[in-house]
Amino acid sequence: MVKAQIPVSPIGFVSVIFAAVGIHQLLSKQFPHGRPVDLAPSNRHSGPPMDPTNVSLRLSNGKLTKIYERVEEEGSPGLMVGPETLIFDNNGTMYTLTEQSKLVSITDIRQKRDDDASIMTAKVTEVADLGIGRSIG
């Protein structure tokens, strides 16, 4: 009995290996903690549903209130770059997580101009550096 062999060129073999390594590297950077999994309904968040009628962050004219960092020294980089998640402690102090994995507090909120109540400025101070890279969440 004669077995048929499939001719494989060295360039084709190297191309397949190169592609496999590239895909592996891409997936390992995309999912550094492993592949995503679907959670069972019993393990999912069971909080109340989102209330679309809640407009407490809007002014009476329908605009959102925007808070900008008040930078004391001209030209210095700000701490509040890409705020992602707002957190309030029991005393009412506002904190946010930034793109640079920093936890910053937002205090001393003031209206920027008298004619526009939708723009506020605040003093921002770093509370903790949470590590390298972007925070998850």
N, C-alpha and C. Protein backbone atom coordinates (compact mmCIF):
# COMPACT_ATOMS: atom_id res chain seq x y z
N MET A 1 0.84 -1.16 0.00
CA MET A 1 0.00 0.00 0.00
C MET A 1 0.89 1.24 0.00
N VAL A 2 0.64 2.15 -0.89
CA VAL A 2 1.45 3.35 -1.05
C VAL A 2 0.69 4.54 -0.46
N LYS A 3 1.36 5.30 0.42
CA LYS A 3 0.75 6.49 1.02
C LYS A 3 1.12 7.70 0.19
N ALA A 4 0.14 8.53 -0.04
CA ALA A 4 0.39 9.76 -0.80
C ALA A 4 0.88 10.84 0.16
N GLN A 5 1.91 11.53 -0.23
CA GLN A 5 2.43 12.62 0.58
C GLN A 5 2.04 13.95 -0.05
N ILE A 6 1.66 14.87 0.82
CA ILE A 6 1.31 16.20 0.34
C ILE A 6 2.57 17.05 0.38
N PRO A 7 2.94 17.63 -0.74
CA PRO A 7 4.16 18.44 -0.75
C PRO A 7 3.94 19.73 0.06
N VAL A 8 4.87 20.00 0.95
CA VAL A 8 4.81 21.20 1.78
C VAL A 8 6.06 22.02 1.52
N SER A 9 5.84 23.26 1.11
CA SER A 9 7.00 24.11 0.86
C SER A 9 7.46 24.72 2.18
N PRO A 10 8.75 24.96 2.33
CA PRO A 10 9.27 25.55 3.57
C PRO A 10 8.69 26.94 3.83
N ILE A 11 8.43 27.70 2.79
CA ILE A 11 7.87 29.05 2.97
C ILE A 11 6.45 28.97 3.50
N GLY A 12 5.66 28.04 2.99
CA GLY A 12 4.29 27.86 3.47
C GLY A 12 4.25 27.43 4.92
N PHE A 13 5.15 26.53 5.30
CA PHE A 13 5.21 26.05 6.67
C PHE A 13 5.58 27.19 7.62
N VAL A 14 6.56 27.98 7.24
CA VAL A 14 6.99 29.12 8.06
C VAL A 14 5.86 30.14 8.16
N SER A 15 5.12 30.36 7.09
CA SER A 15 4.00 31.31 7.10
C SER A 15 2.92 30.88 8.07
N VAL A 16 2.61 29.58 8.11
CA VAL A 16 1.59 29.07 9.02
C VAL A 16 2.05 29.23 10.46
N ILE A 17 3.31 28.92 10.74
CA ILE A 17 3.84 29.07 12.10
C ILE A 17 3.83 30.54 12.51
N PHE A 18 4.24 31.42 11.61
CA PHE A 18 4.27 32.85 11.90
C PHE A 18 2.86 33.37 12.19
N ALA A 19 1.88 32.94 11.41
CA ALA A 19 0.49 33.36 11.63
C ALA A 19 -0.03 32.85 12.96
N ALA A 20 0.27 31.61 13.32
CA ALA A 20 -0.19 31.04 14.58
C ALA A 20 0.40 31.79 15.77
N VAL A 21 1.68 32.10 15.70
CA VAL A 21 2.33 32.85 16.79
C VAL A 21 1.74 34.26 16.88
N GLY A 22 1.49 34.89 15.75
CA GLY A 22 0.91 36.23 15.74
C GLY A 22 -0.48 36.26 16.35
N ILE A 23 -1.31 35.29 16.02
CA ILE A 23 -2.66 35.22 16.59
C ILE A 23 -2.59 34.97 18.09
N HIS A 24 -1.68 34.10 18.51
CA HIS A 24 -1.52 33.82 19.93
C HIS A 24 -1.11 35.08 20.69
N GLN A 25 -0.18 35.84 20.14
CA GLN A 25 0.27 37.07 20.79
C GLN A 25 -0.85 38.09 20.86
N LEU A 26 -1.62 38.22 19.79
CA LEU A 26 -2.72 39.17 19.75
C LEU A 26 -3.77 38.80 20.80
N LEU A 27 -4.12 37.52 20.89
CA LEU A 27 -5.13 37.12 21.86
C LEU A 27 -4.63 37.26 23.29
N SER A 28 -3.34 37.01 23.53
CA SER A 28 -2.83 37.13 24.89
C SER A 28 -2.81 38.59 25.35
N LYS A 29 -2.66 39.54 24.43
CA LYS A 29 -2.70 40.95 24.80
C LYS A 29 -4.15 41.42 24.93
N GLN A 30 -5.02 40.87 24.11
CA GLN A 30 -6.42 41.26 24.15
C GLN A 30 -7.09 40.74 25.42
N PHE A 31 -6.74 39.53 25.83
CA PHE A 31 -7.33 38.91 27.02
C PHE A 31 -6.21 38.49 27.97
N PRO A 32 -5.58 39.44 28.70
CA PRO A 32 -4.44 39.09 29.54
C PRO A 32 -4.79 38.16 30.71
N HIS A 33 -6.06 38.11 31.09
CA HIS A 33 -6.47 37.27 32.22
C HIS A 33 -7.24 36.04 31.76
N GLY A 34 -7.08 35.67 30.50
CA GLY A 34 -7.78 34.50 29.97
C GLY A 34 -8.98 34.91 29.13
N ARG A 35 -9.54 33.93 28.47
CA ARG A 35 -10.68 34.19 27.60
C ARG A 35 -11.92 34.53 28.42
N PRO A 36 -12.82 35.35 27.86
CA PRO A 36 -14.04 35.69 28.59
C PRO A 36 -14.96 34.47 28.69
N VAL A 37 -15.72 34.43 29.76
CA VAL A 37 -16.66 33.33 29.96
C VAL A 37 -18.04 33.92 30.19
N ASP A 38 -19.04 33.15 29.85
CA ASP A 38 -20.41 33.57 30.08
C ASP A 38 -20.81 33.11 31.48
N LEU A 39 -21.26 34.04 32.30
CA LEU A 39 -21.66 33.72 33.66
C LEU A 39 -23.06 33.14 33.68
N ALA A 40 -23.27 32.21 34.56
CA ALA A 40 -24.61 31.66 34.75
C ALA A 40 -25.52 32.75 35.31
N PRO A 41 -26.81 32.72 35.00
CA PRO A 41 -27.71 33.77 35.52
C PRO A 41 -27.67 33.91 37.04
N SER A 42 -27.39 32.83 37.74
CA SER A 42 -27.34 32.92 39.20
C SER A 42 -26.10 33.68 39.70
N ASN A 43 -25.06 33.83 38.86
CA ASN A 43 -23.84 34.54 39.24
C ASN A 43 -23.77 35.96 38.71
N ARG A 44 -24.76 36.38 37.97
CA ARG A 44 -24.76 37.73 37.40
C ARG A 44 -25.25 38.75 38.42
N HIS A 45 -25.04 40.03 38.12
CA HIS A 45 -25.48 41.11 38.99
C HIS A 45 -27.00 41.07 39.11
N SER A 46 -27.47 41.17 40.31
CA SER A 46 -28.92 41.09 40.50
C SER A 46 -29.47 42.37 41.09
N GLY A 47 -28.83 43.49 40.81
CA GLY A 47 -29.29 44.77 41.33
C GLY A 47 -30.54 45.24 40.62
N PRO A 48 -31.05 46.38 41.03
CA PRO A 48 -32.26 46.89 40.39
C PRO A 48 -31.97 47.32 38.95
N PRO A 49 -32.96 47.28 38.10
CA PRO A 49 -32.73 47.71 36.71
C PRO A 49 -32.49 49.22 36.64
N MET A 50 -31.88 49.65 35.56
CA MET A 50 -31.59 51.06 35.38
C MET A 50 -32.89 51.84 35.19
N ASP A 51 -32.97 52.99 35.82
CA ASP A 51 -34.16 53.84 35.74
C ASP A 51 -33.94 54.92 34.69
N PRO A 52 -34.56 54.80 33.51
CA PRO A 52 -34.32 55.81 32.46
C PRO A 52 -34.95 57.16 32.77
N THR A 53 -35.81 57.23 33.77
CA THR A 53 -36.43 58.51 34.11
C THR A 53 -35.59 59.33 35.08
N ASN A 54 -34.49 58.78 35.59
CA ASN A 54 -33.63 59.49 36.52
C ASN A 54 -32.78 60.50 35.75
N VAL A 55 -33.06 61.75 35.94
CA VAL A 55 -32.31 62.82 35.27
C VAL A 55 -31.69 63.75 36.32
N SER A 56 -31.29 63.18 37.46
CA SER A 56 -30.79 64.00 38.56
C SER A 56 -29.47 64.71 38.23
N LEU A 57 -28.71 64.22 37.24
CA LEU A 57 -27.47 64.89 36.87
C LEU A 57 -27.68 65.98 35.82
N ARG A 58 -28.89 66.15 35.39
CA ARG A 58 -29.18 67.17 34.38
C ARG A 58 -29.69 68.44 35.05
N LEU A 59 -29.40 69.56 34.45
CA LEU A 59 -29.94 70.83 34.92
C LEU A 59 -31.37 70.96 34.43
N SER A 60 -32.05 71.97 34.89
CA SER A 60 -33.44 72.16 34.49
C SER A 60 -33.58 72.42 33.00
N ASN A 61 -32.51 72.94 32.34
CA ASN A 61 -32.59 73.20 30.90
C ASN A 61 -32.20 71.99 30.06
N GLY A 62 -31.92 70.84 30.69
CA GLY A 62 -31.64 69.62 29.95
C GLY A 62 -30.17 69.34 29.68
N LYS A 63 -29.28 70.25 30.05
CA LYS A 63 -27.86 70.03 29.82
C LYS A 63 -27.25 69.22 30.96
N LEU A 64 -26.28 68.41 30.64
CA LEU A 64 -25.52 67.71 31.67
C LEU A 64 -24.57 68.67 32.35
N THR A 65 -24.29 68.44 33.61
CA THR A 65 -23.29 69.22 34.31
C THR A 65 -21.92 68.61 34.05
N LYS A 66 -20.98 69.41 33.58
CA LYS A 66 -19.63 68.93 33.27
C LYS A 66 -18.67 69.48 34.32
N ILE A 67 -17.80 68.59 34.83
CA ILE A 67 -16.82 69.01 35.84
C ILE A 67 -15.43 68.89 35.23
N TYR A 68 -14.70 70.00 35.21
CA TYR A 68 -13.34 70.04 34.69
C TYR A 68 -12.37 70.25 35.85
N GLU A 69 -11.16 69.73 35.67
CA GLU A 69 -10.13 69.90 36.69
C GLU A 69 -9.63 71.33 36.68
N ARG A 70 -9.49 71.89 37.87
CA ARG A 70 -8.93 73.23 38.03
C ARG A 70 -7.44 73.06 38.25
N VAL A 71 -6.63 73.39 37.25
CA VAL A 71 -5.17 73.23 37.34
C VAL A 71 -4.59 74.51 37.91
N GLU A 72 -3.84 74.35 38.99
CA GLU A 72 -3.27 75.51 39.68
C GLU A 72 -2.12 76.14 38.90
N GLU A 73 -1.21 75.31 38.37
CA GLU A 73 -0.06 75.82 37.64
C GLU A 73 -0.31 75.69 36.14
N GLU A 74 -0.15 76.78 35.44
CA GLU A 74 -0.38 76.78 33.99
C GLU A 74 0.59 75.84 33.28
N GLY A 75 0.08 74.98 32.43
CA GLY A 75 0.91 74.08 31.66
C GLY A 75 1.19 72.75 32.33
N SER A 76 0.81 72.59 33.59
CA SER A 76 1.06 71.30 34.25
C SER A 76 0.00 70.29 33.82
N PRO A 77 0.40 69.02 33.71
CA PRO A 77 -0.57 68.01 33.27
C PRO A 77 -1.62 67.77 34.35
N GLY A 78 -2.82 67.53 33.91
CA GLY A 78 -3.90 67.29 34.86
C GLY A 78 -3.92 65.84 35.32
N LEU A 79 -4.59 65.60 36.43
CA LEU A 79 -4.72 64.24 36.96
C LEU A 79 -5.97 63.54 36.44
N MET A 80 -6.99 64.31 36.10
CA MET A 80 -8.26 63.71 35.70
C MET A 80 -8.30 63.50 34.19
N VAL A 81 -7.56 62.48 33.72
CA VAL A 81 -7.50 62.15 32.31
C VAL A 81 -8.37 60.92 32.07
N GLY A 82 -9.43 61.08 31.33
CA GLY A 82 -10.31 59.96 31.02
C GLY A 82 -11.00 59.38 32.23
N PRO A 83 -11.74 60.20 33.00
CA PRO A 83 -12.42 59.64 34.16
C PRO A 83 -13.43 58.58 33.73
N GLU A 84 -13.45 57.46 34.44
CA GLU A 84 -14.28 56.33 34.02
C GLU A 84 -15.41 56.01 34.98
N THR A 85 -15.11 55.89 36.25
CA THR A 85 -16.11 55.45 37.22
C THR A 85 -16.14 56.42 38.39
N LEU A 86 -17.33 56.92 38.73
CA LEU A 86 -17.46 57.80 39.88
C LEU A 86 -17.80 56.98 41.11
N ILE A 87 -17.17 57.33 42.23
CA ILE A 87 -17.41 56.65 43.50
C ILE A 87 -17.62 57.72 44.56
N PHE A 88 -18.59 57.51 45.44
CA PHE A 88 -18.83 58.42 46.55
C PHE A 88 -18.61 57.67 47.85
N ASP A 89 -17.91 58.29 48.81
CA ASP A 89 -17.75 57.64 50.11
C ASP A 89 -18.91 58.05 51.02
N ASN A 90 -18.89 57.57 52.25
CA ASN A 90 -19.99 57.84 53.18
C ASN A 90 -20.09 59.31 53.57
N ASN A 91 -19.01 60.06 53.41
CA ASN A 91 -19.02 61.50 53.73
C ASN A 91 -19.43 62.36 52.55
N GLY A 92 -19.68 61.75 51.39
CA GLY A 92 -20.10 62.49 50.21
C GLY A 92 -18.96 62.97 49.33
N THR A 93 -17.72 62.57 49.62
CA THR A 93 -16.59 62.96 48.78
C THR A 93 -16.64 62.16 47.49
N MET A 94 -16.42 62.84 46.37
CA MET A 94 -16.47 62.21 45.05
C MET A 94 -15.07 61.77 44.65
N TYR A 95 -14.97 60.55 44.14
CA TYR A 95 -13.71 60.00 43.63
C TYR A 95 -13.97 59.49 42.22
N THR A 96 -12.91 59.38 41.43
CA THR A 96 -13.03 58.77 40.11
C THR A 96 -11.78 57.96 39.80
N LEU A 97 -11.96 56.94 38.97
CA LEU A 97 -10.84 56.16 38.45
C LEU A 97 -10.50 56.73 37.08
N THR A 98 -9.22 56.93 36.80
CA THR A 98 -8.82 57.53 35.53
C THR A 98 -8.21 56.48 34.61
N GLU A 99 -7.99 56.88 33.36
CA GLU A 99 -7.37 55.99 32.37
C GLU A 99 -5.97 55.57 32.77
N GLN A 100 -5.30 56.38 33.58
CA GLN A 100 -3.93 56.09 33.99
C GLN A 100 -3.89 55.28 35.28
N SER A 101 -5.00 54.64 35.63
CA SER A 101 -5.12 53.79 36.83
C SER A 101 -4.83 54.55 38.10
N LYS A 102 -5.38 55.73 38.20
CA LYS A 102 -5.23 56.53 39.41
C LYS A 102 -6.60 56.75 40.03
N LEU A 103 -6.64 56.70 41.33
CA LEU A 103 -7.84 57.06 42.07
C LEU A 103 -7.65 58.49 42.53
N VAL A 104 -8.52 59.39 42.09
CA VAL A 104 -8.39 60.80 42.44
C VAL A 104 -9.66 61.28 43.13
N SER A 105 -9.49 62.23 44.05
CA SER A 105 -10.64 62.83 44.72
C SER A 105 -11.00 64.14 44.03
N ILE A 106 -12.28 64.42 43.98
CA ILE A 106 -12.79 65.64 43.34
C ILE A 106 -13.47 66.44 44.44
N THR A 107 -12.88 67.57 44.80
CA THR A 107 -13.40 68.40 45.89
C THR A 107 -13.46 69.85 45.45
N ASP A 108 -14.02 70.70 46.29
CA ASP A 108 -14.08 72.14 46.06
C ASP A 108 -14.66 72.45 44.67
N ILE A 109 -15.85 71.95 44.43
CA ILE A 109 -16.50 72.15 43.12
C ILE A 109 -17.13 73.53 43.08
N ARG A 110 -16.77 74.29 42.03
CA ARG A 110 -17.27 75.66 41.85
C ARG A 110 -17.81 75.84 40.44
N GLN A 111 -18.74 76.76 40.30
CA GLN A 111 -19.26 77.10 38.98
C GLN A 111 -18.20 77.95 38.27
N LYS A 112 -17.92 77.60 37.00
CA LYS A 112 -16.85 78.30 36.28
C LYS A 112 -17.26 79.72 35.90
N ARG A 113 -18.45 79.85 35.35
CA ARG A 113 -18.95 81.18 34.96
C ARG A 113 -20.35 81.36 35.53
N ASP A 114 -20.69 82.58 35.81
CA ASP A 114 -22.02 82.85 36.36
C ASP A 114 -23.12 82.64 35.33
N ASP A 115 -22.80 82.81 34.05
CA ASP A 115 -23.83 82.71 33.02
C ASP A 115 -24.07 81.27 32.53
N ASP A 116 -23.23 80.31 32.92
CA ASP A 116 -23.39 78.93 32.47
C ASP A 116 -23.23 77.98 33.65
N ALA A 117 -24.34 77.48 34.15
CA ALA A 117 -24.32 76.61 35.33
C ALA A 117 -23.95 75.17 34.98
N SER A 118 -23.79 74.86 33.70
CA SER A 118 -23.50 73.48 33.31
C SER A 118 -22.01 73.17 33.33
N ILE A 119 -21.15 74.17 33.54
CA ILE A 119 -19.70 73.94 33.58
C ILE A 119 -19.19 74.27 34.97
N MET A 120 -18.59 73.25 35.59
CA MET A 120 -18.05 73.39 36.94
C MET A 120 -16.55 73.08 36.90
N THR A 121 -15.82 73.61 37.87
CA THR A 121 -14.40 73.26 38.02
C THR A 121 -14.22 72.69 39.42
N ALA A 122 -13.20 71.85 39.57
CA ALA A 122 -12.98 71.20 40.86
C ALA A 122 -11.49 71.02 41.11
N LYS A 123 -11.14 70.96 42.38
CA LYS A 123 -9.78 70.62 42.78
C LYS A 123 -9.66 69.11 42.75
N VAL A 124 -8.62 68.60 42.07
CA VAL A 124 -8.42 67.16 41.92
C VAL A 124 -7.09 66.78 42.55
N THR A 125 -7.12 65.81 43.47
CA THR A 125 -5.90 65.34 44.11
C THR A 125 -5.81 63.83 43.98
N GLU A 126 -4.58 63.35 43.79
CA GLU A 126 -4.36 61.91 43.65
C GLU A 126 -4.44 61.24 45.02
N VAL A 127 -5.24 60.18 45.10
CA VAL A 127 -5.38 59.43 46.34
C VAL A 127 -4.50 58.19 46.29
N ALA A 128 -4.51 57.47 45.15
CA ALA A 128 -3.72 56.24 45.02
C ALA A 128 -3.41 55.98 43.56
N ASP A 129 -2.23 55.42 43.31
CA ASP A 129 -1.86 54.93 41.98
C ASP A 129 -2.12 53.42 42.01
N LEU A 130 -3.05 52.96 41.17
CA LEU A 130 -3.51 51.59 41.23
C LEU A 130 -2.69 50.63 40.37
N GLY A 131 -1.62 51.08 39.75
CA GLY A 131 -0.77 50.17 39.00
C GLY A 131 -0.52 50.63 37.59
N ILE A 132 0.02 49.73 36.81
CA ILE A 132 0.43 50.03 35.45
C ILE A 132 -0.75 49.89 34.51
N GLY A 133 -0.84 50.79 33.54
CA GLY A 133 -1.82 50.65 32.47
C GLY A 133 -3.19 51.15 32.84
N ARG A 134 -4.10 50.87 31.96
CA ARG A 134 -5.48 51.30 32.14
C ARG A 134 -6.18 50.42 33.15
N SER A 135 -7.05 51.03 33.92
CA SER A 135 -7.81 50.24 34.89
C SER A 135 -8.92 49.48 34.17
N ILE A 136 -9.36 48.40 34.77
CA ILE A 136 -10.43 47.62 34.20
C ILE A 136 -11.71 48.01 34.91
N GLY A 137 -12.72 48.38 34.13
CA GLY A 137 -13.97 48.71 34.76
C GLY A 137 -14.65 49.87 34.15
